[in-house]
Amino acid sequence: MNKSELVAAIAAKAGVTKDAAKKMVDAFQSVVVDELTAGNSVALVGFGTFEVSKRPARTGRNPLNGKTIKIAASKQPKFKAGKGLKAAVNKK
C-alpha cells in the first residue's frame, strides 16, 4: 500500500474527504518526525512505538578493496510493534 492508497482507505474508513485524510496522514508524519528529531518517542498503546536508536561509531571494511574504514555514529528511527498489533497480525 502506498501513500495515496492509505489516504483513500483512511478517508473511506473515517467517512471524510480524501483531502482531509491526506492532511491527517501528513500531520501524523510531521509530528512523528518532529518528535523523533527532538529525541523523543511516540507511543501508540496497542499499536507500537516509534523511537530513535543510537548506533555507536565503528570500523568496517570496504567490500571493493577490503580496506578498513571508519563508520560514523548515527541515529536510526525504529518502530517496535505493540502487543495488539502483533496479536492482530498473528491471528489465525
PDB file of N, CA and C in Angstrom:
ATOM      1  N   MET A   1       0.855  -1.169   0.000  1.00  0.00           N
ATOM      2  CA  MET A   1       0.000   0.000   0.000  1.00  0.00           C
ATOM      3  C   MET A   1       0.903   1.235   0.000  1.00  0.00           C
ATOM      4  N   ASN A   2       0.637   2.140  -0.922  1.00  0.00           N
ATOM      5  CA  ASN A   2       1.402   3.386  -0.947  1.00  0.00           C
ATOM      6  C   ASN A   2       0.598   4.498  -0.257  1.00  0.00           C
ATOM      7  N   LYS A   3       1.154   5.701  -0.251  1.00  0.00           N
ATOM      8  CA  LYS A   3       0.527   6.795   0.496  1.00  0.00           C
ATOM      9  C   LYS A   3      -0.866   7.138  -0.030  1.00  0.00           C
ATOM     10  N   SER A   4      -1.037   7.193  -1.344  1.00  0.00           N
ATOM     11  CA  SER A   4      -2.353   7.559  -1.885  1.00  0.00           C
ATOM     12  C   SER A   4      -3.391   6.485  -1.564  1.00  0.00           C
ATOM     13  N   GLU A   5      -2.998   5.222  -1.559  1.00  0.00           N
ATOM     14  CA  GLU A   5      -3.916   4.148  -1.190  1.00  0.00           C
ATOM     15  C   GLU A   5      -4.257   4.223   0.307  1.00  0.00           C
ATOM     16  N   LEU A   6      -3.268   4.571   1.122  1.00  0.00           N
ATOM     17  CA  LEU A   6      -3.507   4.745   2.553  1.00  0.00           C
ATOM     18  C   LEU A   6      -4.484   5.891   2.794  1.00  0.00           C
ATOM     19  N   VAL A   7      -4.293   6.995   2.105  1.00  0.00           N
ATOM     20  CA  VAL A   7      -5.187   8.148   2.244  1.00  0.00           C
ATOM     21  C   VAL A   7      -6.603   7.767   1.847  1.00  0.00           C
ATOM     22  N   ALA A   8      -6.752   7.038   0.752  1.00  0.00           N
ATOM     23  CA  ALA A   8      -8.082   6.619   0.302  1.00  0.00           C
ATOM     24  C   ALA A   8      -8.735   5.683   1.320  1.00  0.00           C
ATOM     25  N   ALA A   9      -7.961   4.769   1.881  1.00  0.00           N
ATOM     26  CA  ALA A   9      -8.504   3.834   2.874  1.00  0.00           C
ATOM     27  C   ALA A   9      -8.920   4.557   4.148  1.00  0.00           C
ATOM     28  N   ILE A  10      -8.117   5.514   4.598  1.00  0.00           N
ATOM     29  CA  ILE A  10      -8.463   6.285   5.797  1.00  0.00           C
ATOM     30  C   ILE A  10      -9.708   7.123   5.543  1.00  0.00           C
ATOM     31  N   ALA A  11      -9.792   7.730   4.361  1.00  0.00           N
ATOM     32  CA  ALA A  11     -10.959   8.548   4.022  1.00  0.00           C
ATOM     33  C   ALA A  11     -12.227   7.703   4.046  1.00  0.00           C
ATOM     34  N   ALA A  12     -12.156   6.500   3.488  1.00  0.00           N
ATOM     35  CA  ALA A  12     -13.325   5.619   3.458  1.00  0.00           C
ATOM     36  C   ALA A  12     -13.703   5.144   4.866  1.00  0.00           C
ATOM     37  N   LYS A  13     -12.718   4.776   5.655  1.00  0.00           N
ATOM     38  CA  LYS A  13     -12.977   4.240   6.997  1.00  0.00           C
ATOM     39  C   LYS A  13     -13.474   5.321   7.955  1.00  0.00           C
ATOM     40  N   ALA A  14     -12.934   6.549   7.824  1.00  0.00           N
ATOM     41  CA  ALA A  14     -13.305   7.630   8.737  1.00  0.00           C
ATOM     42  C   ALA A  14     -14.494   8.440   8.231  1.00  0.00           C
ATOM     43  N   GLY A  15     -14.887   8.225   6.981  1.00  0.00           N
ATOM     44  CA  GLY A  15     -16.016   8.960   6.423  1.00  0.00           C
ATOM     45  C   GLY A  15     -15.699  10.427   6.183  1.00  0.00           C
ATOM     46  N   VAL A  16     -14.455  10.707   5.769  1.00  0.00           N
ATOM     47  CA  VAL A  16     -14.032  12.073   5.469  1.00  0.00           C
ATOM     48  C   VAL A  16     -13.550  12.139   4.028  1.00  0.00           C
ATOM     49  N   THR A  17     -13.301  13.354   3.562  1.00  0.00           N
ATOM     50  CA  THR A  17     -12.806  13.514   2.196  1.00  0.00           C
ATOM     51  C   THR A  17     -11.354  13.069   2.109  1.00  0.00           C
ATOM     52  N   LYS A  18     -10.917  12.797   0.895  1.00  0.00           N
ATOM     53  CA  LYS A  18      -9.520  12.413   0.697  1.00  0.00           C
ATOM     54  C   LYS A  18      -8.579  13.555   1.089  1.00  0.00           C
ATOM     55  N   ASP A  19      -8.996  14.797   0.848  1.00  0.00           N
ATOM     56  CA  ASP A  19      -8.162  15.942   1.240  1.00  0.00           C
ATOM     57  C   ASP A  19      -7.971  15.987   2.748  1.00  0.00           C
ATOM     58  N   ALA A  20      -9.039  15.756   3.500  1.00  0.00           N
ATOM     59  CA  ALA A  20      -8.949  15.754   4.963  1.00  0.00           C
ATOM     60  C   ALA A  20      -8.076  14.599   5.445  1.00  0.00           C
ATOM     61  N   ALA A  21      -8.243  13.432   4.823  1.00  0.00           N
ATOM     62  CA  ALA A  21      -7.442  12.270   5.207  1.00  0.00           C
ATOM     63  C   ALA A  21      -5.967  12.502   4.884  1.00  0.00           C
ATOM     64  N   LYS A  22      -5.684  13.147   3.754  1.00  0.00           N
ATOM     65  CA  LYS A  22      -4.295  13.444   3.387  1.00  0.00           C
ATOM     66  C   LYS A  22      -3.675  14.394   4.407  1.00  0.00           C
ATOM     67  N   LYS A  23      -4.445  15.389   4.852  1.00  0.00           N
ATOM     68  CA  LYS A  23      -3.948  16.312   5.878  1.00  0.00           C
ATOM     69  C   LYS A  23      -3.650  15.573   7.176  1.00  0.00           C
ATOM     70  N   MET A  24      -4.497  14.602   7.517  1.00  0.00           N
ATOM     71  CA  MET A  24      -4.273  13.815   8.739  1.00  0.00           C
ATOM     72  C   MET A  24      -3.000  12.979   8.636  1.00  0.00           C
ATOM     73  N   VAL A  25      -2.818  12.317   7.502  1.00  0.00           N
ATOM     74  CA  VAL A  25      -1.628  11.489   7.304  1.00  0.00           C
ATOM     75  C   VAL A  25      -0.370  12.354   7.323  1.00  0.00           C
ATOM     76  N   ASP A  26      -0.413  13.494   6.625  1.00  0.00           N
ATOM     77  CA  ASP A  26       0.731  14.405   6.606  1.00  0.00           C
ATOM     78  C   ASP A  26       1.034  14.957   7.996  1.00  0.00           C
ATOM     79  N   ALA A  27      -0.009  15.287   8.753  1.00  0.00           N
ATOM     80  CA  ALA A  27       0.176  15.813  10.107  1.00  0.00           C
ATOM     81  C   ALA A  27       0.779  14.748  11.012  1.00  0.00           C
ATOM     82  N   PHE A  28       0.285  13.519  10.916  1.00  0.00           N
ATOM     83  CA  PHE A  28       0.831  12.422  11.716  1.00  0.00           C
ATOM     84  C   PHE A  28       2.309  12.224  11.412  1.00  0.00           C
ATOM     85  N   GLN A  29       2.627  12.187  10.134  1.00  0.00           N
ATOM     86  CA  GLN A  29       4.021  12.001   9.715  1.00  0.00           C
ATOM     87  C   GLN A  29       4.895  13.141  10.230  1.00  0.00           C
ATOM     88  N   SER A  30       4.416  14.352  10.126  1.00  0.00           N
ATOM     89  CA  SER A  30       5.167  15.516  10.578  1.00  0.00           C
ATOM     90  C   SER A  30       5.408  15.491  12.079  1.00  0.00           C
ATOM     91  N   VAL A  31       4.384  15.133  12.849  1.00  0.00           N
ATOM     92  CA  VAL A  31       4.518  15.079  14.313  1.00  0.00           C
ATOM     93  C   VAL A  31       5.516  13.995  14.712  1.00  0.00           C
ATOM     94  N   VAL A  32       5.448  12.826  14.087  1.00  0.00           N
ATOM     95  CA  VAL A  32       6.380  11.746  14.412  1.00  0.00           C
ATOM     96  C   VAL A  32       7.819  12.171  14.088  1.00  0.00           C
ATOM     97  N   VAL A  33       8.021  12.764  12.930  1.00  0.00           N
ATOM     98  CA  VAL A  33       9.364  13.216  12.552  1.00  0.00           C
ATOM     99  C   VAL A  33       9.870  14.273  13.527  1.00  0.00           C
ATOM    100  N   ASP A  34       9.023  15.231  13.882  1.00  0.00           N
ATOM    101  CA  ASP A  34       9.426  16.285  14.819  1.00  0.00           C
ATOM    102  C   ASP A  34       9.815  15.710  16.181  1.00  0.00           C
ATOM    103  N   GLU A  35       9.031  14.773  16.684  1.00  0.00           N
ATOM    104  CA  GLU A  35       9.313  14.173  17.992  1.00  0.00           C
ATOM    105  C   GLU A  35      10.587  13.341  17.969  1.00  0.00           C
ATOM    106  N   LEU A  36      10.775  12.554  16.915  1.00  0.00           N
ATOM    107  CA  LEU A  36      11.987  11.739  16.824  1.00  0.00           C
ATOM    108  C   LEU A  36      13.226  12.616  16.655  1.00  0.00           C
ATOM    109  N   THR A  37      13.096  13.688  15.900  1.00  0.00           N
ATOM    110  CA  THR A  37      14.207  14.619  15.723  1.00  0.00           C
ATOM    111  C   THR A  37      14.585  15.260  17.047  1.00  0.00           C
ATOM    112  N   ALA A  38      13.605  15.508  17.903  1.00  0.00           N
ATOM    113  CA  ALA A  38      13.850  16.107  19.213  1.00  0.00           C
ATOM    114  C   ALA A  38      14.360  15.075  20.224  1.00  0.00           C
ATOM    115  N   GLY A  39      14.454  13.805  19.821  1.00  0.00           N
ATOM    116  CA  GLY A  39      14.956  12.770  20.713  1.00  0.00           C
ATOM    117  C   GLY A  39      13.892  12.088  21.545  1.00  0.00           C
ATOM    118  N   ASN A  40      12.634  12.355  21.249  1.00  0.00           N
ATOM    119  CA  ASN A  40      11.521  11.756  21.988  1.00  0.00           C
ATOM    120  C   ASN A  40      10.995  10.527  21.257  1.00  0.00           C
ATOM    121  N   SER A  41      10.143   9.774  21.910  1.00  0.00           N
ATOM    122  CA  SER A  41       9.495   8.643  21.259  1.00  0.00           C
ATOM    123  C   SER A  41       8.001   8.928  21.159  1.00  0.00           C
ATOM    124  N   VAL A  42       7.335   8.210  20.267  1.00  0.00           N
ATOM    125  CA  VAL A  42       5.887   8.342  20.099  1.00  0.00           C
ATOM    126  C   VAL A  42       5.286   6.963  20.330  1.00  0.00           C
ATOM    127  N   ALA A  43       4.506   6.823  21.394  1.00  0.00           N
ATOM    128  CA  ALA A  43       3.917   5.534  21.751  1.00  0.00           C
ATOM    129  C   ALA A  43       2.411   5.558  21.504  1.00  0.00           C
ATOM    130  N   LEU A  44       1.938   4.607  20.744  1.00  0.00           N
ATOM    131  CA  LEU A  44       0.517   4.429  20.485  1.00  0.00           C
ATOM    132  C   LEU A  44       0.137   3.093  21.112  1.00  0.00           C
ATOM    133  N   VAL A  45      -0.505   3.135  22.269  1.00  0.00           N
ATOM    134  CA  VAL A  45      -0.815   1.931  23.037  1.00  0.00           C
ATOM    135  C   VAL A  45      -1.595   0.943  22.174  1.00  0.00           C
ATOM    136  N   GLY A  46      -1.125  -0.279  22.139  1.00  0.00           N
ATOM    137  CA  GLY A  46      -1.755  -1.333  21.358  1.00  0.00           C
ATOM    138  C   GLY A  46      -1.278  -1.398  19.926  1.00  0.00           C
ATOM    139  N   PHE A  47      -0.651  -0.337  19.426  1.00  0.00           N
ATOM    140  CA  PHE A  47      -0.166  -0.318  18.050  1.00  0.00           C
ATOM    141  C   PHE A  47       1.343  -0.459  18.011  1.00  0.00           C
ATOM    142  N   GLY A  48       2.051   0.445  18.688  1.00  0.00           N
ATOM    143  CA  GLY A  48       3.508   0.355  18.704  1.00  0.00           C
ATOM    144  C   GLY A  48       4.157   1.660  19.101  1.00  0.00           C
ATOM    145  N   THR A  49       5.487   1.655  19.076  1.00  0.00           N
ATOM    146  CA  THR A  49       6.263   2.811  19.493  1.00  0.00           C
ATOM    147  C   THR A  49       7.298   3.160  18.431  1.00  0.00           C
ATOM    148  N   PHE A  50       7.337   4.437  18.072  1.00  0.00           N
ATOM    149  CA  PHE A  50       8.377   4.966  17.202  1.00  0.00           C
ATOM    150  C   PHE A  50       9.436   5.544  18.125  1.00  0.00           C
ATOM    151  N   GLU A  51      10.703   5.168  17.916  1.00  0.00           N
ATOM    152  CA  GLU A  51      11.768   5.677  18.768  1.00  0.00           C
ATOM    153  C   GLU A  51      13.065   5.797  17.984  1.00  0.00           C
ATOM    154  N   VAL A  52      14.038   6.456  18.604  1.00  0.00           N
ATOM    155  CA  VAL A  52      15.343   6.647  17.983  1.00  0.00           C
ATOM    156  C   VAL A  52      16.356   5.766  18.699  1.00  0.00           C
ATOM    157  N   SER A  53      17.135   5.048  17.922  1.00  0.00           N
ATOM    158  CA  SER A  53      18.190   4.196  18.459  1.00  0.00           C
ATOM    159  C   SER A  53      19.528   4.800  18.046  1.00  0.00           C
ATOM    160  N   LYS A  54      20.458   4.856  18.976  1.00  0.00           N
ATOM    161  CA  LYS A  54      21.782   5.409  18.675  1.00  0.00           C
ATOM    162  C   LYS A  54      22.732   4.273  18.318  1.00  0.00           C
ATOM    163  N   ARG A  55      23.432   4.437  17.199  1.00  0.00           N
ATOM    164  CA  ARG A  55      24.427   3.464  16.772  1.00  0.00           C
ATOM    165  C   ARG A  55      25.802   4.069  16.986  1.00  0.00           C
ATOM    166  N   PRO A  56      26.672   3.407  17.733  1.00  0.00           N
ATOM    167  CA  PRO A  56      27.994   3.964  18.000  1.00  0.00           C
ATOM    168  C   PRO A  56      28.887   3.921  16.759  1.00  0.00           C
ATOM    169  N   ALA A  57      29.941   4.717  16.785  1.00  0.00           N
ATOM    170  CA  ALA A  57      30.926   4.682  15.706  1.00  0.00           C
ATOM    171  C   ALA A  57      31.600   3.308  15.724  1.00  0.00           C
ATOM    172  N   ARG A  58      31.974   2.831  14.564  1.00  0.00           N
ATOM    173  CA  ARG A  58      32.606   1.516  14.482  1.00  0.00           C
ATOM    174  C   ARG A  58      33.488   1.443  13.246  1.00  0.00           C
ATOM    175  N   THR A  59      34.251   0.375  13.150  1.00  0.00           N
ATOM    176  CA  THR A  59      35.069   0.183  11.958  1.00  0.00           C
ATOM    177  C   THR A  59      34.412  -0.883  11.097  1.00  0.00           C
ATOM    178  N   GLY A  60      34.601  -0.746   9.808  1.00  0.00           N
ATOM    179  CA  GLY A  60      34.044  -1.708   8.874  1.00  0.00           C
ATOM    180  C   GLY A  60      35.042  -1.953   7.762  1.00  0.00           C
ATOM    181  N   ARG A  61      34.642  -2.694   6.773  1.00  0.00           N
ATOM    182  CA  ARG A  61      35.518  -2.985   5.640  1.00  0.00           C
ATOM    183  C   ARG A  61      34.832  -2.566   4.349  1.00  0.00           C
ATOM    184  N   ASN A  62      35.630  -1.954   3.475  1.00  0.00           N
ATOM    185  CA  ASN A  62      35.148  -1.612   2.144  1.00  0.00           C
ATOM    186  C   ASN A  62      35.089  -2.911   1.352  1.00  0.00           C
ATOM    187  N   PRO A  63      33.916  -3.320   0.857  1.00  0.00           N
ATOM    188  CA  PRO A  63      33.813  -4.599   0.159  1.00  0.00           C
ATOM    189  C   PRO A  63      34.555  -4.634  -1.177  1.00  0.00           C
ATOM    190  N   LEU A  64      34.851  -3.462  -1.745  1.00  0.00           N
ATOM    191  CA  LEU A  64      35.552  -3.433  -3.028  1.00  0.00           C
ATOM    192  C   LEU A  64      37.032  -3.731  -2.896  1.00  0.00           C
ATOM    193  N   ASN A  65      37.664  -3.162  -1.856  1.00  0.00           N
ATOM    194  CA  ASN A  65      39.112  -3.334  -1.750  1.00  0.00           C
ATOM    195  C   ASN A  65      39.562  -3.940  -0.416  1.00  0.00           C
ATOM    196  N   GLY A  66      38.644  -4.186   0.508  1.00  0.00           N
ATOM    197  CA  GLY A  66      38.978  -4.825   1.765  1.00  0.00           C
ATOM    198  C   GLY A  66      39.625  -3.914   2.795  1.00  0.00           C
ATOM    199  N   LYS A  67      39.787  -2.631   2.480  1.00  0.00           N
ATOM    200  CA  LYS A  67      40.413  -1.701   3.419  1.00  0.00           C
ATOM    201  C   LYS A  67      39.470  -1.391   4.582  1.00  0.00           C
ATOM    202  N   THR A  68      40.070  -1.148   5.740  1.00  0.00           N
ATOM    203  CA  THR A  68      39.301  -0.780   6.920  1.00  0.00           C
ATOM    204  C   THR A  68      38.843   0.669   6.797  1.00  0.00           C
ATOM    205  N   ILE A  69      37.571   0.900   7.129  1.00  0.00           N
ATOM    206  CA  ILE A  69      37.033   2.262   7.093  1.00  0.00           C
ATOM    207  C   ILE A  69      36.362   2.556   8.431  1.00  0.00           C
ATOM    208  N   LYS A  70      36.248   3.836   8.752  1.00  0.00           N
ATOM    209  CA  LYS A  70      35.557   4.241   9.962  1.00  0.00           C
ATOM    210  C   LYS A  70      34.127   4.608   9.595  1.00  0.00           C
ATOM    211  N   ILE A  71      33.181   4.055  10.329  1.00  0.00           N
ATOM    212  CA  ILE A  71      31.769   4.355  10.125  1.00  0.00           C
ATOM    213  C   ILE A  71      31.342   5.251  11.279  1.00  0.00           C
ATOM    214  N   ALA A  72      30.831   6.417  10.956  1.00  0.00           N
ATOM    215  CA  ALA A  72      30.460   7.412  11.968  1.00  0.00           C
ATOM    216  C   ALA A  72      29.254   6.951  12.791  1.00  0.00           C
ATOM    217  N   ALA A  73      29.145   7.485  13.988  1.00  0.00           N
ATOM    218  CA  ALA A  73      27.978   7.225  14.834  1.00  0.00           C
ATOM    219  C   ALA A  73      26.748   7.819  14.145  1.00  0.00           C
ATOM    220  N   SER A  74      25.608   7.202  14.371  1.00  0.00           N
ATOM    221  CA  SER A  74      24.379   7.700  13.745  1.00  0.00           C
ATOM    222  C   SER A  74      23.177   7.362  14.615  1.00  0.00           C
ATOM    223  N   LYS A  75      22.061   7.953  14.259  1.00  0.00           N
ATOM    224  CA  LYS A  75      20.787   7.673  14.919  1.00  0.00           C
ATOM    225  C   LYS A  75      19.892   7.000  13.898  1.00  0.00           C
ATOM    226  N   GLN A  76      19.159   5.982  14.341  1.00  0.00           N
ATOM    227  CA  GLN A  76      18.279   5.240  13.458  1.00  0.00           C
ATOM    228  C   GLN A  76      16.860   5.270  13.996  1.00  0.00           C
ATOM    229  N   PRO A  77      15.884   5.656  13.175  1.00  0.00           N
ATOM    230  CA  PRO A  77      14.492   5.562  13.629  1.00  0.00           C
ATOM    231  C   PRO A  77      14.075   4.095  13.632  1.00  0.00           C
ATOM    232  N   LYS A  78      13.327   3.710  14.657  1.00  0.00           N
ATOM    233  CA  LYS A  78      12.864   2.326  14.759  1.00  0.00           C
ATOM    234  C   LYS A  78      11.393   2.313  15.144  1.00  0.00           C
ATOM    235  N   PHE A  79      10.726   1.247  14.748  1.00  0.00           N
ATOM    236  CA  PHE A  79       9.345   1.026  15.148  1.00  0.00           C
ATOM    237  C   PHE A  79       9.277  -0.305  15.863  1.00  0.00           C
ATOM    238  N   LYS A  80       8.723  -0.300  17.051  1.00  0.00           N
ATOM    239  CA  LYS A  80       8.554  -1.526  17.832  1.00  0.00           C
ATOM    240  C   LYS A  80       7.061  -1.804  17.917  1.00  0.00           C
ATOM    241  N   ALA A  81       6.633  -2.899  17.332  1.00  0.00           N
ATOM    242  CA  ALA A  81       5.210  -3.238  17.295  1.00  0.00           C
ATOM    243  C   ALA A  81       4.687  -3.522  18.697  1.00  0.00           C
ATOM    244  N   GLY A  82       3.470  -3.056  18.964  1.00  0.00           N
ATOM    245  CA  GLY A  82       2.819  -3.274  20.246  1.00  0.00           C
ATOM    246  C   GLY A  82       2.115  -4.627  20.299  1.00  0.00           C
ATOM    247  N   LYS A  83       1.682  -4.979  21.476  1.00  0.00           N
ATOM    248  CA  LYS A  83       1.045  -6.268  21.715  1.00  0.00           C
ATOM    249  C   LYS A  83      -0.210  -6.457  20.856  1.00  0.00           C
ATOM    250  N   GLY A  84      -1.028  -5.411  20.753  1.00  0.00           N
ATOM    251  CA  GLY A  84      -2.256  -5.502  19.965  1.00  0.00           C
ATOM    252  C   GLY A  84      -1.996  -5.717  18.486  1.00  0.00           C
ATOM    253  N   LEU A  85      -1.003  -5.022  17.947  1.00  0.00           N
ATOM    254  CA  LEU A  85      -0.651  -5.176  16.527  1.00  0.00           C
ATOM    255  C   LEU A  85      -0.090  -6.565  16.265  1.00  0.00           C
ATOM    256  N   LYS A  86       0.785  -7.034  17.151  1.00  0.00           N
ATOM    257  CA  LYS A  86       1.350  -8.375  16.992  1.00  0.00           C
ATOM    258  C   LYS A  86       0.241  -9.431  17.020  1.00  0.00           C
ATOM    259  N   ALA A  87      -0.701  -9.271  17.948  1.00  0.00           N
ATOM    260  CA  ALA A  87      -1.794 -10.231  18.051  1.00  0.00           C
ATOM    261  C   ALA A  87      -2.662 -10.221  16.795  1.00  0.00           C
ATOM    262  N   ALA A  88      -2.929  -9.042  16.261  1.00  0.00           N
ATOM    263  CA  ALA A  88      -3.765  -8.940  15.056  1.00  0.00           C
ATOM    264  C   ALA A  88      -3.085  -9.568  13.851  1.00  0.00           C
ATOM    265  N   VAL A  89      -1.778  -9.356  13.727  1.00  0.00           N
ATOM    266  CA  VAL A  89      -1.027  -9.913  12.588  1.00  0.00           C
ATOM    267  C   VAL A  89      -0.927 -11.431  12.696  1.00  0.00           C
ATOM    268  N   ASN A  90      -0.777 -11.940  13.898  1.00  0.00           N
ATOM    269  CA  ASN A  90      -0.610 -13.374  14.110  1.00  0.00           C
ATOM    270  C   ASN A  90      -1.900 -14.139  14.350  1.00  0.00           C
ATOM    271  N   LYS A  91      -3.032 -13.442  14.257  1.00  0.00           N
ATOM    272  CA  LYS A  91      -4.325 -14.084  14.488  1.00  0.00           C
ATOM    273  C   LYS A  91      -4.559 -15.164  13.433  1.00  0.00           C
ATOM    274  N   LYS A  92      -4.987 -16.313  13.901  1.00  0.00           N
ATOM    275  CA  LYS A  92      -5.188 -17.444  12.961  1.00  0.00           C
ATOM    276  C   LYS A  92      -6.642 -17.818  12.878  1.00  0.00           C
TER     277      LYS A  92
END
